[in-house]
N, C-alpha and C. Protein backbone atom coordinates (compact mmCIF):
# COMPACT_ATOMS: atom_id res chain seq x y z
N UNK A 1 8.14 7.49 -6.67
CA UNK A 1 9.19 7.42 -6.01
C UNK A 1 9.32 5.80 -6.14
N UNK A 2 10.91 4.75 -6.36
CA UNK A 2 10.51 3.53 -5.96
C UNK A 2 11.37 3.18 -5.05
N UNK A 3 11.21 1.64 -4.98
CA UNK A 3 12.17 0.75 -3.83
C UNK A 3 13.52 1.68 -3.25
N UNK A 4 13.87 1.65 -4.86
CA UNK A 4 15.42 1.88 -4.34
C UNK A 4 16.13 3.74 -3.99
N UNK A 5 14.73 4.32 -4.48
CA UNK A 5 15.24 5.26 -4.64
C UNK A 5 14.36 6.14 -2.45
N UNK A 6 13.06 5.42 -2.01
CA UNK A 6 12.87 5.13 -0.62
C UNK A 6 14.61 4.81 0.39
N UNK A 7 15.16 3.31 -0.46
CA UNK A 7 16.47 3.11 0.50
C UNK A 7 17.14 4.19 0.64
N UNK A 8 17.54 5.11 -0.36
CA UNK A 8 18.61 6.01 -0.97
C UNK A 8 18.15 6.82 -0.01
N UNK A 9 16.90 7.47 0.19
CA UNK A 9 16.56 8.59 1.23
C UNK A 9 16.58 8.20 2.51
N UNK A 10 16.20 6.81 3.07
CA UNK A 10 16.35 6.68 4.46
C UNK A 10 17.58 6.48 4.44
N UNK A 11 18.98 6.00 4.10
CA UNK A 11 20.16 5.96 3.75
C UNK A 11 20.45 7.86 4.29
N UNK A 12 20.35 8.96 3.76
CA UNK A 12 20.96 9.92 3.65
C UNK A 12 19.99 10.67 4.83
N UNK A 13 19.06 10.23 5.21
CA UNK A 13 18.32 10.51 6.47
C UNK A 13 18.87 10.48 7.46
N UNK A 14 19.27 9.21 7.61
CA UNK A 14 19.88 8.29 9.15
C UNK A 14 21.29 8.46 9.37
N UNK A 15 21.74 8.50 8.00
CA UNK A 15 23.44 9.05 7.60
C UNK A 15 24.00 7.32 7.82
N UNK A 16 23.60 6.47 7.31
CA UNK A 16 23.77 5.21 7.29
C UNK A 16 24.47 5.00 5.72
N UNK A 17 24.72 3.59 5.63
CA UNK A 17 25.55 3.11 4.44
C UNK A 17 24.11 2.76 3.37
N UNK A 18 24.04 2.51 2.06
CA UNK A 18 23.10 1.74 1.77
C UNK A 18 22.97 0.48 2.19
N UNK A 19 23.96 -0.12 2.28
CA UNK A 19 23.20 -1.66 2.24
C UNK A 19 22.96 -1.80 4.02
N UNK A 20 23.06 -1.13 4.98
CA UNK A 20 22.46 -0.99 6.28
C UNK A 20 20.98 -0.68 6.28
N UNK A 21 20.76 0.30 4.87
CA UNK A 21 19.47 0.96 4.97
C UNK A 21 18.18 0.12 4.43
N UNK A 22 19.08 -0.90 3.15
CA UNK A 22 18.45 -1.74 2.39
C UNK A 22 17.14 -2.45 3.52
N UNK A 23 18.13 -3.22 4.70
CA UNK A 23 17.61 -4.38 5.06
C UNK A 23 16.39 -3.78 6.04
N UNK A 24 16.47 -2.63 6.52
CA UNK A 24 15.46 -1.95 7.22
C UNK A 24 14.10 -1.58 6.15
N UNK A 25 14.75 -0.86 5.14
CA UNK A 25 12.76 -1.04 4.45
C UNK A 25 12.55 -2.52 3.63
N UNK A 26 13.20 -3.03 3.77
CA UNK A 26 12.68 -4.80 3.46
C UNK A 26 12.21 -4.81 4.96
N UNK A 27 12.69 -4.73 5.61
CA UNK A 27 11.80 -5.43 7.06
C UNK A 27 10.25 -4.46 7.20
N UNK A 28 10.58 -3.05 7.02
CA UNK A 28 9.15 -2.18 7.15
C UNK A 28 8.14 -2.80 5.98
N UNK A 29 8.61 -2.81 4.91
CA UNK A 29 7.76 -3.32 3.83
C UNK A 29 6.93 -4.41 3.93
N UNK A 30 7.94 -5.57 4.54
CA UNK A 30 7.72 -6.89 4.57
C UNK A 30 6.67 -6.99 5.31
N UNK A 31 6.92 -6.13 6.15
CA UNK A 31 6.22 -6.22 7.69
C UNK A 31 4.19 -5.60 7.59
N UNK A 32 4.66 -4.78 6.69
CA UNK A 32 3.52 -4.14 6.55
C UNK A 32 2.35 -5.13 5.27
N UNK A 33 3.31 -6.00 4.73
CA UNK A 33 2.66 -6.80 3.67
C UNK A 33 1.92 -8.21 4.30
N UNK A 34 3.02 -8.56 5.13
CA UNK A 34 2.27 -9.87 6.28
C UNK A 34 1.07 -9.61 6.95
N UNK A 35 1.29 -8.54 7.71
CA UNK A 35 0.50 -7.39 8.63
C UNK A 35 -1.28 -7.97 7.73
N UNK A 36 -0.86 -6.77 6.42
CA UNK A 36 -2.37 -6.86 5.65
C UNK A 36 -2.71 -8.32 4.93
N UNK A 37 -1.90 -9.39 5.08
CA UNK A 37 -1.80 -11.02 4.49
C UNK A 37 -3.00 -11.23 5.46
N UNK A 38 -2.53 -10.84 7.18
CA UNK A 38 -3.31 -11.47 7.89
C UNK A 38 -4.32 -10.80 8.31
N UNK A 39 -4.90 -9.99 7.61
CA UNK A 39 -6.11 -9.51 7.55
C UNK A 39 -6.35 -8.16 9.08
N UNK A 40 -4.91 -7.56 9.15
CA UNK A 40 -4.67 -6.89 9.71
C UNK A 40 -5.00 -5.25 9.42
N UNK A 41 -4.80 -4.33 9.71
CA UNK A 41 -5.24 -3.34 9.71
C UNK A 41 -3.76 -2.55 10.14
N UNK A 42 -3.38 -1.09 8.80
CA UNK A 42 -1.95 -0.64 9.44
C UNK A 42 -2.69 1.26 9.07
N UNK A 43 -1.86 1.62 10.20
CA UNK A 43 -2.66 3.13 10.52
C UNK A 43 -1.31 3.95 10.79
N UNK A 44 -0.82 4.56 10.23
CA UNK A 44 0.29 5.58 10.29
C UNK A 44 0.32 7.09 10.34
N UNK A 45 -0.40 7.63 11.21
CA UNK A 45 -0.61 9.03 12.07
C UNK A 45 -0.04 10.07 10.49
N UNK A 46 -0.88 10.87 10.32
CA UNK A 46 -0.41 11.82 9.49
C UNK A 46 -0.12 11.48 7.86
N UNK A 47 -0.13 9.85 7.71
CA UNK A 47 -0.09 9.62 6.49
C UNK A 47 -0.70 8.98 5.44
N UNK A 48 -1.59 8.10 6.87
CA UNK A 48 -2.62 7.27 5.95
C UNK A 48 -3.10 5.62 6.62
N UNK A 49 -4.46 5.08 5.82
CA UNK A 49 -4.19 3.91 6.83
C UNK A 49 -4.27 3.18 5.66
N UNK A 50 -4.17 1.80 6.11
CA UNK A 50 -4.52 0.64 5.02
C UNK A 50 -5.08 -0.31 5.73
N UNK A 51 -5.95 -0.65 4.48
CA UNK A 51 -6.88 -1.86 5.22
C UNK A 51 -7.72 -2.65 3.83
N UNK A 52 -7.95 -4.10 4.39
CA UNK A 52 -8.42 -5.21 3.21
C UNK A 52 -9.78 -5.22 3.49
N UNK A 53 -10.17 -4.44 2.25
CA UNK A 53 -11.54 -4.82 2.01
C UNK A 53 -12.01 -6.44 1.76
N UNK A 54 -13.27 -6.62 1.68
CA UNK A 54 -13.75 -7.90 1.60
C UNK A 54 -14.59 -7.65 0.77
N UNK A 55 -14.50 -8.70 -0.87
CA UNK A 55 -15.99 -7.90 -1.60
C UNK A 55 -16.51 -9.83 -1.93
N UNK A 56 -17.69 -9.53 -1.94
CA UNK A 56 -18.92 -11.03 -2.18
C UNK A 56 -18.59 -11.29 -3.54
N UNK A 57 -18.73 -12.36 -3.62
CA UNK A 57 -18.64 -13.34 -5.11
C UNK A 57 -20.42 -12.09 -5.68
N UNK A 58 -19.67 -12.39 -7.10
CA UNK A 58 -21.20 -11.69 -8.03
C UNK A 58 -20.90 -12.70 -9.37
N UNK A 59 -21.94 -12.18 -9.84
CA UNK A 59 -22.36 -12.60 -11.41
C UNK A 59 -21.66 -11.28 -12.07
N UNK A 60 -20.52 -11.29 -13.05
CA UNK A 60 -20.19 -10.57 -14.04
C UNK A 60 -20.27 -11.42 -15.28
N UNK A 61 -19.87 -10.32 -16.38
CA UNK A 61 -20.31 -10.29 -17.52
C UNK A 61 -18.77 -10.68 -18.51
N UNK A 62 -18.95 -12.22 -19.16
CA UNK A 62 -17.36 -11.42 -19.93
C UNK A 62 -17.51 -10.37 -21.30
N UNK A 63 -16.72 -9.90 -21.27
CA UNK A 63 -17.11 -8.38 -22.24
C UNK A 63 -16.94 -8.81 -23.80
N UNK A 64 -15.91 -10.13 -23.73
CA UNK A 64 -15.81 -10.20 -24.95
C UNK A 64 -17.04 -11.37 -25.71
N UNK A 65 -17.41 -12.32 -24.84
CA UNK A 65 -18.01 -13.28 -24.88
C UNK A 65 -20.08 -12.64 -25.09
N UNK A 66 -19.63 -11.97 -24.12
CA UNK A 66 -21.06 -11.26 -23.22
C UNK A 66 -21.29 -12.76 -22.78
N UNK A 67 -21.12 -13.43 -22.31
CA UNK A 67 -21.24 -15.02 -21.31
C UNK A 67 -21.29 -14.24 -19.58
N UNK A 68 -22.38 -14.97 -19.01
CA UNK A 68 -22.36 -14.54 -17.84
C UNK A 68 -21.24 -15.73 -16.92
N UNK A 69 -19.98 -15.27 -16.37
CA UNK A 69 -19.29 -15.70 -15.12
C UNK A 69 -19.25 -15.63 -13.70
N UNK A 70 -19.22 -15.99 -12.91
CA UNK A 70 -19.49 -15.96 -11.63
C UNK A 70 -18.07 -15.90 -11.03
N UNK A 71 -18.26 -14.85 -10.67
CA UNK A 71 -16.28 -13.88 -9.66
C UNK A 71 -16.24 -14.08 -8.57
N UNK A 72 -15.30 -15.13 -8.18
CA UNK A 72 -14.96 -15.85 -6.89
C UNK A 72 -15.39 -14.38 -5.87
N UNK A 73 -15.39 -14.55 -4.31
CA UNK A 73 -15.00 -13.72 -3.30
C UNK A 73 -13.49 -13.41 -2.95
N UNK A 74 -13.24 -12.15 -3.09
CA UNK A 74 -11.76 -11.97 -2.69
C UNK A 74 -11.53 -10.98 -1.74
N UNK A 75 -10.60 -10.37 -1.11
CA UNK A 75 -9.99 -9.36 -0.76
C UNK A 75 -8.84 -8.62 -1.44
N UNK A 76 -9.13 -7.12 -0.84
CA UNK A 76 -8.02 -6.05 -2.01
C UNK A 76 -7.98 -5.12 -0.71
N UNK A 77 -6.72 -4.96 -1.23
CA UNK A 77 -5.73 -3.84 0.23
C UNK A 77 -6.16 -2.39 -0.26
N UNK A 78 -6.64 -1.66 0.61
CA UNK A 78 -7.49 -0.52 0.56
C UNK A 78 -6.43 0.73 1.37
N UNK A 79 -5.95 1.60 0.42
CA UNK A 79 -5.35 2.62 1.42
C UNK A 79 -6.43 3.65 1.51
N UNK A 80 -6.24 4.95 2.93
CA UNK A 80 -6.96 5.73 2.86
C UNK A 80 -6.57 6.88 3.33
N UNK A 81 -5.78 8.17 2.39
CA UNK A 81 -5.54 8.89 2.89
C UNK A 81 -5.47 9.74 3.93
N UNK A 82 -4.47 9.85 4.89
CA UNK A 82 -4.67 10.39 6.26
C UNK A 82 -5.24 12.86 5.92
N UNK A 83 -5.24 13.00 6.71
CA UNK A 83 -5.71 14.49 6.91
C UNK A 83 -4.47 15.19 5.95
N UNK A 84 -3.16 14.89 7.44
CA UNK A 84 -2.11 15.72 6.92
C UNK A 84 -1.57 15.66 5.40
N UNK A 85 -1.56 14.26 4.99
CA UNK A 85 -0.73 14.13 3.73
C UNK A 85 -1.36 14.97 3.47
N UNK A 86 -3.19 14.93 3.08
CA UNK A 86 -3.90 15.24 1.82
C UNK A 86 -3.87 16.56 2.18
N UNK A 87 -3.67 17.31 3.38
CA UNK A 87 -3.45 18.68 3.38
C UNK A 87 -2.05 19.37 2.33
N UNK A 88 -0.95 18.62 2.40
CA UNK A 88 0.53 19.21 1.77
C UNK A 88 0.43 18.81 0.87
N UNK A 89 -0.83 17.98 -0.26
CA UNK A 89 -0.10 17.11 -1.12
C UNK A 89 -0.87 18.52 -1.84
N UNK A 90 -2.32 18.95 -1.48
CA UNK A 90 -3.28 19.94 -2.05
C UNK A 90 -2.51 21.15 -1.98
N UNK A 91 -1.11 21.68 -0.94
CA UNK A 91 -0.95 22.93 -1.00
C UNK A 91 0.56 23.03 -1.54
N UNK A 92 0.90 21.66 -1.67
CA UNK A 92 2.06 21.44 -2.36
C UNK A 92 1.97 22.73 -4.10
N UNK A 93 3.36 23.11 -4.54
CA UNK A 93 3.55 23.95 -5.47
C UNK A 93 4.45 22.74 -6.60
N UNK A 94 3.76 23.45 -7.58
CA UNK A 94 3.77 22.10 -8.99
C UNK A 94 5.15 22.96 -9.09
């Protein structure tokens, strides 16, 4: 599913035009991005949680040259699947 399919599903589920569903989906996604960028976590019961993991800097190796390089510290979003979603995916028929 991509963003336009999500907007279409939202439109059909709550019976509103696509032009009204689009800003709703945009607001939800933008709010989630802003929360993660601010370092907050997001928890959606039955679906999962999004957290920002911080990684320290380390010395890596350039695979082409073999030279050592210092990789700067970074933050990356991480998704942990919820129990209900995991069960639903594992019991879904193909």
